[in-house]
Protein backbone atom coordinates (compact mmCIF):
# COMPACT_ATOMS: atom_id res chain seq x y z
CA MET A 1 -3.40 4.21 1.95
CA ARG A 2 -2.12 1.25 3.24
CA GLU A 3 0.85 0.69 4.20
CA GLU A 4 0.73 -2.84 3.69
CA ALA A 5 0.06 -1.98 -0.44
CA LEU A 6 3.46 -0.20 -0.47
CA LYS A 7 4.87 -3.63 0.87
CA GLN A 8 3.01 -5.15 -1.43
CA PHE A 9 4.50 -3.34 -4.10
CA PHE A 10 8.24 -4.27 -2.89
CA ALA A 11 7.23 -7.61 -2.80
CA GLY A 12 6.11 -8.33 -6.44
CA ASP A 13 2.30 -8.53 -5.30
CA LEU A 14 1.19 -5.16 -6.37
CA SER A 15 1.63 -3.69 -9.80
CA ALA A 16 2.63 -0.10 -10.12
CA ASN A 17 -0.85 1.05 -11.24
CA GLN A 18 -2.67 -0.79 -8.36
CA LEU A 19 -0.15 1.16 -5.95
CA ALA A 20 -1.25 4.74 -7.70
CA ALA A 21 -4.40 3.87 -7.54
CA GLU A 22 -3.99 3.16 -3.86
CA ALA A 23 -1.84 6.77 -3.07
CA MET A 24 -4.25 9.11 -5.44
CA GLY A 25 -7.07 7.54 -3.61
CA SER A 26 -5.42 8.20 0.08
CA ILE A 27 -5.35 12.37 -0.76
CA LYS A 28 -7.72 13.97 0.48
CA LYS A 29 -7.74 18.32 -0.78
CA VAL A 30 -8.52 20.66 2.37
CA GLY A 31 -7.48 23.84 0.96
CA PRO A 32 -6.30 25.88 -2.21
CA ARG A 33 -2.68 24.42 -0.76
CA GLU A 34 -3.55 21.23 1.66
CA THR A 35 -3.62 18.07 1.17
CA ASN A 36 -4.07 15.33 4.17
CA VAL A 37 -2.92 11.96 3.06
CA GLU A 38 -5.08 9.61 4.81
CA ILE A 39 -2.93 6.57 5.61
CA GLU A 40 -3.65 2.52 7.50
CA ASP A 41 -1.20 1.50 9.28
CA MET A 42 0.65 -2.09 9.09
CA THR A 43 1.29 -4.14 11.59
CA SER A 44 5.03 -4.99 11.46
CA ILE A 45 8.37 -3.62 10.70
CA TYR A 46 9.20 -3.22 6.64
CA SER A 47 13.11 -1.86 6.02
CA ILE A 48 13.14 0.47 2.76
CA SER A 49 16.33 -0.84 0.58
CA ARG A 50 17.94 1.08 -2.45
CA GLU A 51 16.71 -1.55 -4.66
CA ASN A 52 12.93 -0.82 -2.96
CA MET A 53 14.18 3.06 -3.64
CA LEU A 54 14.92 1.91 -7.54
CA ALA A 55 11.69 0.18 -7.99
CA ILE A 56 10.09 3.38 -7.40
CA CYS A 57 12.12 5.51 -9.66
CA ASP A 58 11.35 2.97 -12.32
CA ALA A 59 7.76 3.25 -12.14
CA GLY A 60 8.14 7.12 -11.52
CA MET A 61 10.12 7.45 -15.19
CA LYS A 62 7.63 4.87 -17.18
CA GLY A 63 5.04 7.13 -15.77
CA THR A 64 2.86 4.15 -14.00
CA LEU A 65 3.80 6.35 -10.50
CA PRO A 66 2.86 10.19 -11.26
CA GLY A 67 4.73 12.70 -8.92
CA GLU A 68 1.50 13.51 -6.92
CA ALA A 69 1.32 9.94 -6.18
CA VAL A 70 5.51 9.47 -5.05
CA THR A 71 4.66 12.95 -2.95
CA ALA A 72 1.94 10.77 -0.84
CA ILE A 73 3.77 7.69 -0.50
CA ALA A 74 7.10 9.76 0.33
CA PHE A 75 5.28 11.17 3.19
CA MET A 76 3.69 8.10 4.22
CA VAL A 77 6.85 6.52 4.87
CA ILE A 78 8.32 9.33 6.62
CA ALA A 79 5.41 9.28 8.76
CA SER A 80 4.56 5.62 9.63
CA ASP A 81 6.59 4.09 12.91
CA HIS A 82 6.40 0.84 10.69
CA PHE A 83 8.93 1.77 7.97
CA GLU A 84 12.45 1.81 8.59
CA TRP A 85 15.70 2.08 6.38
CA ASP A 86 19.78 1.54 7.13
CA GLY A 87 20.60 5.11 9.11
CA ASP A 88 23.48 5.42 7.06
CA ASP A 89 22.57 5.55 4.30
CA GLU A 90 21.78 9.65 3.49
CA MET A 91 20.77 8.91 0.23
CA ILE A 92 17.63 7.09 0.77
CA SER A 93 16.69 9.91 3.77
CA GLU A 94 17.42 12.65 1.06
CA ILE A 95 15.31 11.20 -1.48
CA LEU A 96 12.22 10.60 0.62
CA ASN A 97 12.25 13.87 1.99
CA ASP A 98 12.99 15.80 -1.67
CA TRP A 99 9.89 13.22 -3.06
CA SER A 100 7.43 14.43 -0.09
CA CYS A 101 7.91 18.18 -0.67
CA PRO A 102 8.66 18.31 -4.25
CA GLU A 103 7.33 21.96 -4.54
CA VAL A 104 10.77 22.94 -2.53
CA ASN A 105 13.04 21.03 -4.22
CA TYR A 106 12.14 19.98 -7.93
CA PRO A 107 9.02 18.34 -9.30
CA LEU A 108 8.89 14.99 -9.72
CA ASN A 109 8.93 14.05 -13.93
CA SER A 110 10.62 11.49 -15.22
CA SER A 111 13.80 13.33 -15.81
CA ALA A 112 13.79 14.03 -12.21
CA PHE A 113 13.30 9.92 -11.36
CA GLU A 114 16.19 9.38 -13.87
CA MET A 115 18.49 11.54 -11.38
CA CYS A 116 17.42 10.14 -8.48
CA ARG A 117 18.05 6.57 -9.71
CA ARG A 118 21.47 7.56 -10.99
CA SER A 119 22.01 8.99 -7.35
CA LEU A 120 20.92 5.50 -5.77
CA SER A 121 22.82 3.73 -8.00
CA GLY A 122 26.01 5.85 -7.21
CA SER A 123 26.60 6.61 -10.77
CA GLU A 124 25.79 10.46 -10.01
CA ILE A 125 26.66 12.47 -7.21
CA PRO A 126 23.48 14.19 -6.41
CA LEU A 127 23.06 17.95 -7.54
CA GLU A 128 22.14 21.14 -5.51
CA ARG A 129 18.66 22.35 -3.88
CA PRO A 130 17.23 24.85 -6.04
């Protein structure tokens, strides 16, 4: 997956369907429970905002970004040297970590994206992890 593709999605230059196709194409199964995400670095730094996270939630709620694609995206963002976010905003960190490993927290379906959206917008206190 190209890091630049996520940046283009946030800018409105790439559709959620195109981002999903790119994310899904980057996932390589290497074992029964193991996958690799192939990542192509971008050359610039991008600062992720809550608005960016809300855009992912909205696409997830609509089903245009399936949970598996969001997991690959979250993994890429966490592993990247080119994405950053406000270190004081723990909500972004928590949600990215939840998305990167849904089998530990909760499945990434429309209700999970709705919950994340409410948490990011401040209308709901995040649930305890299972």
